[in-house]
PDB file of all heavy atoms in Angstrom:
ATOM      1  N   ASP A   1     -29.742  -1.547   1.811  1.00  0.00           N
ATOM      2  CA  ASP A   1     -28.546  -1.707   2.636  1.00  0.00           C
ATOM      3  C   ASP A   1     -27.708  -0.436   2.516  1.00  0.00           C
ATOM      4  O   ASP A   1     -26.954  -0.267   1.564  1.00  0.00           O
ATOM      5  CB  ASP A   1     -27.764  -2.933   2.177  1.00  0.00           C
ATOM      6  CG  ASP A   1     -26.545  -3.215   3.034  1.00  0.00           C
ATOM      7  OD1 ASP A   1     -26.232  -2.414   3.933  1.00  0.00           O
ATOM      8  OD2 ASP A   1     -25.898  -4.253   2.787  1.00  0.00           O
ATOM      9  N   SER A   2     -27.852   0.459   3.488  1.00  0.00           N
ATOM     10  CA  SER A   2     -27.145   1.749   3.416  1.00  0.00           C
ATOM     11  C   SER A   2     -25.657   1.605   3.716  1.00  0.00           C
ATOM     12  O   SER A   2     -24.891   2.532   3.508  1.00  0.00           O
ATOM     13  CB  SER A   2     -27.780   2.762   4.375  1.00  0.00           C
ATOM     14  OG  SER A   2     -27.688   2.285   5.694  1.00  0.00           O
ATOM     15  N   GLY A   3     -25.220   0.450   4.184  1.00  0.00           N
ATOM     16  CA  GLY A   3     -23.803   0.236   4.469  1.00  0.00           C
ATOM     17  C   GLY A   3     -23.047  -0.433   3.342  1.00  0.00           C
ATOM     18  O   GLY A   3     -21.849  -0.674   3.451  1.00  0.00           O
ATOM     19  N   LEU A   4     -23.723  -0.726   2.227  1.00  0.00           N
ATOM     20  CA  LEU A   4     -23.064  -1.375   1.096  1.00  0.00           C
ATOM     21  C   LEU A   4     -22.374  -0.321   0.240  1.00  0.00           C
ATOM     22  O   LEU A   4     -23.018   0.554  -0.336  1.00  0.00           O
ATOM     23  CB  LEU A   4     -24.067  -2.159   0.256  1.00  0.00           C
ATOM     24  CG  LEU A   4     -23.505  -2.845  -0.987  1.00  0.00           C
ATOM     25  CD1 LEU A   4     -22.523  -3.939  -0.599  1.00  0.00           C
ATOM     26  CD2 LEU A   4     -24.617  -3.415  -1.838  1.00  0.00           C
ATOM     27  N   PHE A   5     -21.060  -0.398   0.175  1.00  0.00           N
ATOM     28  CA  PHE A   5     -20.258   0.492  -0.651  1.00  0.00           C
ATOM     29  C   PHE A   5     -19.469  -0.361  -1.639  1.00  0.00           C
ATOM     30  O   PHE A   5     -19.211  -1.536  -1.396  1.00  0.00           O
ATOM     31  CB  PHE A   5     -19.255   1.281   0.209  1.00  0.00           C
ATOM     32  CG  PHE A   5     -19.864   2.390   0.993  1.00  0.00           C
ATOM     33  CD1 PHE A   5     -20.597   2.147   2.150  1.00  0.00           C
ATOM     34  CD2 PHE A   5     -19.699   3.700   0.601  1.00  0.00           C
ATOM     35  CE1 PHE A   5     -21.154   3.175   2.878  1.00  0.00           C
ATOM     36  CE2 PHE A   5     -20.247   4.736   1.314  1.00  0.00           C
ATOM     37  CZ  PHE A   5     -20.981   4.474   2.460  1.00  0.00           C
ATOM     38  N   ILE A   6     -19.068   0.255  -2.743  1.00  0.00           N
ATOM     39  CA  ILE A   6     -18.205  -0.405  -3.712  1.00  0.00           C
ATOM     40  C   ILE A   6     -17.109   0.582  -4.102  1.00  0.00           C
ATOM     41  O   ILE A   6     -17.355   1.791  -4.193  1.00  0.00           O
ATOM     42  CB  ILE A   6     -18.994  -0.918  -4.937  1.00  0.00           C
ATOM     43  CG1 ILE A   6     -18.112  -1.807  -5.784  1.00  0.00           C
ATOM     44  CG2 ILE A   6     -19.621   0.228  -5.725  1.00  0.00           C
ATOM     45  CD1 ILE A   6     -18.865  -2.717  -6.730  1.00  0.00           C
ATOM     46  N   GLN A   7     -15.894   0.058  -4.293  1.00  0.00           N
ATOM     47  CA  GLN A   7     -14.757   0.915  -4.583  1.00  0.00           C
ATOM     48  C   GLN A   7     -14.349   0.797  -6.040  1.00  0.00           C
ATOM     49  O   GLN A   7     -14.277  -0.302  -6.598  1.00  0.00           O
ATOM     50  CB  GLN A   7     -13.570   0.528  -3.693  1.00  0.00           C
ATOM     51  CG  GLN A   7     -12.413   1.481  -3.797  1.00  0.00           C
ATOM     52  CD  GLN A   7     -11.295   1.126  -2.831  1.00  0.00           C
ATOM     53  OE1 GLN A   7     -11.051  -0.041  -2.554  1.00  0.00           O
ATOM     54  NE2 GLN A   7     -10.625   2.149  -2.318  1.00  0.00           N
ATOM     55  N   CYS A   8     -14.077   1.943  -6.638  1.00  0.00           N
ATOM     56  CA  CYS A   8     -13.594   1.987  -8.015  1.00  0.00           C
ATOM     57  C   CYS A   8     -12.167   1.426  -8.046  1.00  0.00           C
ATOM     58  O   CYS A   8     -11.306   1.852  -7.269  1.00  0.00           O
ATOM     59  CB  CYS A   8     -13.607   3.421  -8.541  1.00  0.00           C
ATOM     60  SG  CYS A   8     -12.923   3.597 -10.208  1.00  0.00           S
ATOM     61  N   ASP A   9     -11.923   0.461  -8.929  1.00  0.00           N
ATOM     62  CA  ASP A   9     -10.601  -0.151  -9.034  1.00  0.00           C
ATOM     63  C   ASP A   9      -9.556   0.797  -9.603  1.00  0.00           C
ATOM     64  O   ASP A   9      -8.365   0.594  -9.403  1.00  0.00           O
ATOM     65  CB  ASP A   9     -10.667  -1.410  -9.909  1.00  0.00           C
ATOM     66  CG  ASP A   9     -11.493  -2.506  -9.268  1.00  0.00           C
ATOM     67  OD1 ASP A   9     -11.529  -2.594  -8.026  1.00  0.00           O
ATOM     68  OD2 ASP A   9     -12.132  -3.284 -10.014  1.00  0.00           O
ATOM     69  N   LYS A  10      -9.989   1.835 -10.284  1.00  0.00           N
ATOM     70  CA  LYS A  10      -9.043   2.746 -10.935  1.00  0.00           C
ATOM     71  C   LYS A  10      -8.670   3.930 -10.023  1.00  0.00           C
ATOM     72  O   LYS A  10      -7.506   4.167  -9.768  1.00  0.00           O
ATOM     73  CB  LYS A  10      -9.634   3.236 -12.253  1.00  0.00           C
ATOM     74  CG  LYS A  10      -8.664   4.001 -13.105  1.00  0.00           C
ATOM     75  CD  LYS A  10      -9.184   4.214 -14.493  1.00  0.00           C
ATOM     76  CE  LYS A  10      -8.138   4.935 -15.317  1.00  0.00           C
ATOM     77  NZ  LYS A  10      -8.579   5.153 -16.681  1.00  0.00           N
ATOM     78  N   CYS A  11      -9.685   4.664  -9.527  1.00  0.00           N
ATOM     79  CA  CYS A  11      -9.384   5.873  -8.746  1.00  0.00           C
ATOM     80  C   CYS A  11      -9.570   5.679  -7.238  1.00  0.00           C
ATOM     81  O   CYS A  11      -9.310   6.597  -6.461  1.00  0.00           O
ATOM     82  CB  CYS A  11     -10.209   7.059  -9.230  1.00  0.00           C
ATOM     83  SG  CYS A  11     -11.973   6.941  -8.869  1.00  0.00           S
ATOM     84  N   GLN A  12     -10.045   4.514  -6.834  1.00  0.00           N
ATOM     85  CA  GLN A  12     -10.164   4.126  -5.426  1.00  0.00           C
ATOM     86  C   GLN A  12     -11.238   4.859  -4.619  1.00  0.00           C
ATOM     87  O   GLN A  12     -11.260   4.761  -3.398  1.00  0.00           O
ATOM     88  CB  GLN A  12      -8.806   4.268  -4.703  1.00  0.00           C
ATOM     89  CG  GLN A  12      -7.654   3.547  -5.377  1.00  0.00           C
ATOM     90  CD  GLN A  12      -7.906   2.051  -5.531  1.00  0.00           C
ATOM     91  OE1 GLN A  12      -8.225   1.383  -4.577  1.00  0.00           O
ATOM     92  NE2 GLN A  12      -7.794   1.562  -6.740  1.00  0.00           N
ATOM     93  N   VAL A  13     -12.153   5.592  -5.255  1.00  0.00           N
ATOM     94  CA  VAL A  13     -13.229   6.235  -4.505  1.00  0.00           C
ATOM     95  C   VAL A  13     -14.285   5.185  -4.150  1.00  0.00           C
ATOM     96  O   VAL A  13     -14.426   4.165  -4.817  1.00  0.00           O
ATOM     97  CB  VAL A  13     -13.897   7.409  -5.269  1.00  0.00           C
ATOM     98  CG1 VAL A  13     -12.889   8.503  -5.572  1.00  0.00           C
ATOM     99  CG2 VAL A  13     -14.615   6.940  -6.500  1.00  0.00           C
ATOM    100  N   TRP A  14     -15.011   5.460  -3.074  1.00  0.00           N
ATOM    101  CA  TRP A  14     -16.093   4.585  -2.635  1.00  0.00           C
ATOM    102  C   TRP A  14     -17.419   5.186  -3.034  1.00  0.00           C
ATOM    103  O   TRP A  14     -17.602   6.408  -2.980  1.00  0.00           O
ATOM    104  CB  TRP A  14     -16.044   4.407  -1.113  1.00  0.00           C
ATOM    105  CG  TRP A  14     -14.893   3.562  -0.668  1.00  0.00           C
ATOM    106  CD1 TRP A  14     -13.652   3.999  -0.322  1.00  0.00           C
ATOM    107  CD2 TRP A  14     -14.884   2.143  -0.553  1.00  0.00           C
ATOM    108  NE1 TRP A  14     -12.858   2.935   0.014  1.00  0.00           N
ATOM    109  CE2 TRP A  14     -13.589   1.782  -0.114  1.00  0.00           C
ATOM    110  CE3 TRP A  14     -15.831   1.143  -0.775  1.00  0.00           C
ATOM    111  CZ2 TRP A  14     -13.227   0.454   0.113  1.00  0.00           C
ATOM    112  CZ3 TRP A  14     -15.464  -0.164  -0.542  1.00  0.00           C
ATOM    113  CH2 TRP A  14     -14.176  -0.499  -0.110  1.00  0.00           C
ATOM    114  N   GLN A  15     -18.351   4.331  -3.441  1.00  0.00           N
ATOM    115  CA  GLN A  15     -19.691   4.767  -3.812  1.00  0.00           C
ATOM    116  C   GLN A  15     -20.711   3.870  -3.130  1.00  0.00           C
ATOM    117  O   GLN A  15     -20.432   2.705  -2.848  1.00  0.00           O
ATOM    118  CB  GLN A  15     -19.876   4.725  -5.337  1.00  0.00           C
ATOM    119  CG  GLN A  15     -18.947   5.696  -6.054  1.00  0.00           C
ATOM    120  CD  GLN A  15     -19.193   5.761  -7.539  1.00  0.00           C
ATOM    121  OE1 GLN A  15     -19.354   4.749  -8.199  1.00  0.00           O
ATOM    122  NE2 GLN A  15     -19.232   6.975  -8.071  1.00  0.00           N
ATOM    123  N   HIS A  16     -21.887   4.435  -2.880  1.00  0.00           N
ATOM    124  CA  HIS A  16     -22.969   3.631  -2.304  1.00  0.00           C
ATOM    125  C   HIS A  16     -23.422   2.609  -3.337  1.00  0.00           C
ATOM    126  O   HIS A  16     -23.667   2.970  -4.492  1.00  0.00           O
ATOM    127  CB  HIS A  16     -24.177   4.509  -1.931  1.00  0.00           C
ATOM    128  CG  HIS A  16     -23.820   5.671  -1.073  1.00  0.00           C
ATOM    129  ND1 HIS A  16     -24.035   6.967  -1.481  1.00  0.00           N
ATOM    130  CD2 HIS A  16     -23.266   5.734   0.156  1.00  0.00           C
ATOM    131  CE1 HIS A  16     -23.631   7.791  -0.533  1.00  0.00           C
ATOM    132  NE2 HIS A  16     -23.151   7.073   0.477  1.00  0.00           N
ATOM    133  N   GLY A  17     -23.539   1.364  -2.925  1.00  0.00           N
ATOM    134  CA  GLY A  17     -23.999   0.321  -3.837  1.00  0.00           C
ATOM    135  C   GLY A  17     -25.342   0.670  -4.453  1.00  0.00           C
ATOM    136  O   GLY A  17     -25.554   0.533  -5.658  1.00  0.00           O
ATOM    137  N   TYR A  18     -26.258   1.154  -3.626  1.00  0.00           N
ATOM    138  CA  TYR A  18     -27.605   1.500  -4.113  1.00  0.00           C
ATOM    139  C   TYR A  18     -27.544   2.540  -5.223  1.00  0.00           C
ATOM    140  O   TYR A  18     -28.254   2.429  -6.216  1.00  0.00           O
ATOM    141  CB  TYR A  18     -28.458   2.011  -2.954  1.00  0.00           C
ATOM    142  CG  TYR A  18     -29.780   2.579  -3.408  1.00  0.00           C
ATOM    143  CD1 TYR A  18     -30.834   1.740  -3.757  1.00  0.00           C
ATOM    144  CD2 TYR A  18     -29.979   3.954  -3.509  1.00  0.00           C
ATOM    145  CE1 TYR A  18     -32.047   2.245  -4.188  1.00  0.00           C
ATOM    146  CE2 TYR A  18     -31.187   4.471  -3.940  1.00  0.00           C
ATOM    147  CZ  TYR A  18     -32.211   3.615  -4.276  1.00  0.00           C
ATOM    148  OH  TYR A  18     -33.406   4.125  -4.708  1.00  0.00           O
ATOM    149  N   CYS A  19     -26.686   3.525  -5.073  1.00  0.00           N
ATOM    150  CA  CYS A  19     -26.641   4.636  -6.028  1.00  0.00           C
ATOM    151  C   CYS A  19     -26.087   4.238  -7.384  1.00  0.00           C
ATOM    152  O   CYS A  19     -26.302   4.936  -8.370  1.00  0.00           O
ATOM    153  CB  CYS A  19     -25.831   5.789  -5.451  1.00  0.00           C
ATOM    154  SG  CYS A  19     -26.597   6.527  -3.994  1.00  0.00           S
ATOM    155  N   VAL A  20     -25.365   3.119  -7.446  1.00  0.00           N
ATOM    156  CA  VAL A  20     -24.847   2.644  -8.728  1.00  0.00           C
ATOM    157  C   VAL A  20     -25.538   1.362  -9.174  1.00  0.00           C
ATOM    158  O   VAL A  20     -25.046   0.643 -10.043  1.00  0.00           O
ATOM    159  CB  VAL A  20     -23.307   2.481  -8.702  1.00  0.00           C
ATOM    160  CG1 VAL A  20     -22.633   3.827  -8.555  1.00  0.00           C
ATOM    161  CG2 VAL A  20     -22.862   1.516  -7.627  1.00  0.00           C
ATOM    162  N   GLY A  21     -26.687   1.083  -8.579  1.00  0.00           N
ATOM    163  CA  GLY A  21     -27.510  -0.040  -9.030  1.00  0.00           C
ATOM    164  C   GLY A  21     -27.055  -1.400  -8.556  1.00  0.00           C
ATOM    165  O   GLY A  21     -27.366  -2.407  -9.176  1.00  0.00           O
ATOM    166  N   ILE A  22     -26.297  -1.435  -7.462  1.00  0.00           N
ATOM    167  CA  ILE A  22     -25.835  -2.710  -6.930  1.00  0.00           C
ATOM    168  C   ILE A  22     -26.474  -2.908  -5.566  1.00  0.00           C
ATOM    169  O   ILE A  22     -26.270  -2.108  -4.648  1.00  0.00           O
ATOM    170  CB  ILE A  22     -24.300  -2.737  -6.820  1.00  0.00           C
ATOM    171  CG1 ILE A  22     -23.693  -2.556  -8.210  1.00  0.00           C
ATOM    172  CG2 ILE A  22     -23.829  -4.032  -6.177  1.00  0.00           C
ATOM    173  CD1 ILE A  22     -22.190  -2.380  -8.213  1.00  0.00           C
ATOM    174  N   GLY A  23     -27.249  -3.954  -5.443  1.00  0.00           N
ATOM    175  CA  GLY A  23     -27.910  -4.259  -4.184  1.00  0.00           C
ATOM    176  C   GLY A  23     -27.202  -5.373  -3.443  1.00  0.00           C
ATOM    177  O   GLY A  23     -26.331  -6.053  -3.986  1.00  0.00           O
ATOM    178  N   SER A  24     -27.588  -5.583  -2.201  1.00  0.00           N
ATOM    179  CA  SER A  24     -26.935  -6.616  -1.401  1.00  0.00           C
ATOM    180  C   SER A  24     -27.207  -8.019  -1.928  1.00  0.00           C
ATOM    181  O   SER A  24     -26.447  -8.937  -1.675  1.00  0.00           O
ATOM    182  CB  SER A  24     -27.367  -6.498   0.064  1.00  0.00           C
ATOM    183  OG  SER A  24     -28.776  -6.595   0.158  1.00  0.00           O
ATOM    184  N   ASP A  25     -28.294  -8.196  -2.690  1.00  0.00           N
ATOM    185  CA  ASP A  25     -28.607  -9.506  -3.255  1.00  0.00           C
ATOM    186  C   ASP A  25     -27.869  -9.778  -4.559  1.00  0.00           C
ATOM    187  O   ASP A  25     -27.830 -10.916  -5.024  1.00  0.00           O
ATOM    188  CB  ASP A  25     -30.120  -9.627  -3.525  1.00  0.00           C
ATOM    189  CG  ASP A  25     -30.927  -9.608  -2.245  1.00  0.00           C
ATOM    190  OD1 ASP A  25     -30.355  -9.898  -1.174  1.00  0.00           O
ATOM    191  OD2 ASP A  25     -32.122  -9.293  -2.308  1.00  0.00           O
ATOM    192  N   ASP A  26     -27.297  -8.748  -5.162  1.00  0.00           N
ATOM    193  CA  ASP A  26     -26.582  -8.906  -6.428  1.00  0.00           C
ATOM    194  C   ASP A  26     -25.185  -9.473  -6.157  1.00  0.00           C
ATOM    195  O   ASP A  26     -24.603  -9.255  -5.096  1.00  0.00           O
ATOM    196  CB  ASP A  26     -26.419  -7.559  -7.143  1.00  0.00           C
ATOM    197  CG  ASP A  26     -27.742  -6.965  -7.554  1.00  0.00           C
ATOM    198  OD1 ASP A  26     -28.645  -7.731  -7.931  1.00  0.00           O
ATOM    199  OD2 ASP A  26     -27.881  -5.729  -7.494  1.00  0.00           O
ATOM    200  N   SER A  27     -24.666 -10.195  -7.131  1.00  0.00           N
ATOM    201  CA  SER A  27     -23.276 -10.621  -7.001  1.00  0.00           C
ATOM    202  C   SER A  27     -22.415  -9.421  -7.371  1.00  0.00           C
ATOM    203  O   SER A  27     -22.615  -8.797  -8.414  1.00  0.00           O
ATOM    204  CB  SER A  27     -22.990 -11.816  -7.899  1.00  0.00           C
ATOM    205  OG  SER A  27     -23.267 -11.498  -9.239  1.00  0.00           O
ATOM    206  N   LEU A  28     -21.474  -9.086  -6.506  1.00  0.00           N
ATOM    207  CA  LEU A  28     -20.634  -7.917  -6.754  1.00  0.00           C
ATOM    208  C   LEU A  28     -19.696  -8.205  -7.922  1.00  0.00           C
ATOM    209  O   LEU A  28     -19.151  -9.297  -8.037  1.00  0.00           O
ATOM    210  CB  LEU A  28     -19.826  -7.575  -5.505  1.00  0.00           C
ATOM    211  CG  LEU A  28     -20.666  -7.160  -4.296  1.00  0.00           C
ATOM    212  CD1 LEU A  28     -19.766  -6.945  -3.087  1.00  0.00           C
ATOM    213  CD2 LEU A  28     -21.451  -5.896  -4.594  1.00  0.00           C
ATOM    214  N   PRO A  29     -19.516  -7.224  -8.786  1.00  0.00           N
ATOM    215  CA  PRO A  29     -18.627  -7.443  -9.933  1.00  0.00           C
ATOM    216  C   PRO A  29     -17.175  -7.595  -9.482  1.00  0.00           C
ATOM    217  O   PRO A  29     -16.759  -7.001  -8.479  1.00  0.00           O
ATOM    218  CB  PRO A  29     -18.820  -6.179 -10.775  1.00  0.00           C
ATOM    219  CG  PRO A  29     -19.349  -5.152  -9.841  1.00  0.00           C
ATOM    220  CD  PRO A  29     -20.104  -5.886  -8.772  1.00  0.00           C
ATOM    221  N   ASP A  30     -16.411  -8.395 -10.210  1.00  0.00           N
ATOM    222  CA  ASP A  30     -14.986  -8.562  -9.884  1.00  0.00           C
ATOM    223  C   ASP A  30     -14.221  -7.274 -10.125  1.00  0.00           C
ATOM    224  O   ASP A  30     -13.309  -6.936  -9.385  1.00  0.00           O
ATOM    225  CB  ASP A  30     -14.381  -9.680 -10.735  1.00  0.00           C
ATOM    226  CG  ASP A  30     -14.936 -11.043 -10.363  1.00  0.00           C
ATOM    227  OD1 ASP A  30     -15.344 -11.236  -9.198  1.00  0.00           O
ATOM    228  OD2 ASP A  30     -14.974 -11.917 -11.253  1.00  0.00           O
ATOM    229  N   ASP A  31     -14.599  -6.579 -11.190  1.00  0.00           N
ATOM    230  CA  ASP A  31     -13.974  -5.298 -11.524  1.00  0.00           C
ATOM    231  C   ASP A  31     -15.059  -4.242 -11.524  1.00  0.00           C
ATOM    232  O   ASP A  31     -16.134  -4.444 -12.093  1.00  0.00           O
ATOM    233  CB  ASP A  31     -13.330  -5.358 -12.917  1.00  0.00           C
ATOM    234  CG  ASP A  31     -12.231  -6.396 -12.996  1.00  0.00           C
ATOM    235  OD1 ASP A  31     -11.350  -6.393 -12.117  1.00  0.00           O
ATOM    236  OD2 ASP A  31     -12.265  -7.217 -13.939  1.00  0.00           O
ATOM    237  N   TYR A  32     -14.771  -3.100 -10.904  1.00  0.00           N
ATOM    238  CA  TYR A  32     -15.747  -2.016 -10.878  1.00  0.00           C
ATOM    239  C   TYR A  32     -15.032  -0.715 -11.197  1.00  0.00           C
ATOM    240  O   TYR A  32     -13.945  -0.435 -10.692  1.00  0.00           O
ATOM    241  CB  TYR A  32     -16.431  -1.899  -9.510  1.00  0.00           C
ATOM    242  CG  TYR A  32     -17.339  -0.696  -9.433  1.00  0.00           C
ATOM    243  CD1 TYR A  32     -18.578  -0.703 -10.071  1.00  0.00           C
ATOM    244  CD2 TYR A  32     -16.948   0.464  -8.779  1.00  0.00           C
ATOM    245  CE1 TYR A  32     -19.398   0.405 -10.047  1.00  0.00           C
ATOM    246  CE2 TYR A  32     -17.772   1.576  -8.751  1.00  0.00           C
ATOM    247  CZ  TYR A  32     -18.987   1.546  -9.382  1.00  0.00           C
ATOM    248  OH  TYR A  32     -19.804   2.649  -9.366  1.00  0.00           O
ATOM    249  N   ALA A  33     -15.650   0.084 -12.039  1.00  0.00           N
ATOM    250  CA  ALA A  33     -15.130   1.405 -12.374  1.00  0.00           C
ATOM    251  C   ALA A  33     -16.255   2.415 -12.183  1.00  0.00           C
ATOM    252  O   ALA A  33     -17.390   2.176 -12.598  1.00  0.00           O
ATOM    253  CB  ALA A  33     -14.628   1.442 -13.808  1.00  0.00           C
TER     254      ALA A  33
END
């Protein structure tokens, strides 16, 4: 899923879910850094 992004709760940058080991089938963490 190339459109899956996750945002850092501290610095607010966006990262590709795939690049940080988070896939669309995974439950997204409540807190992400």
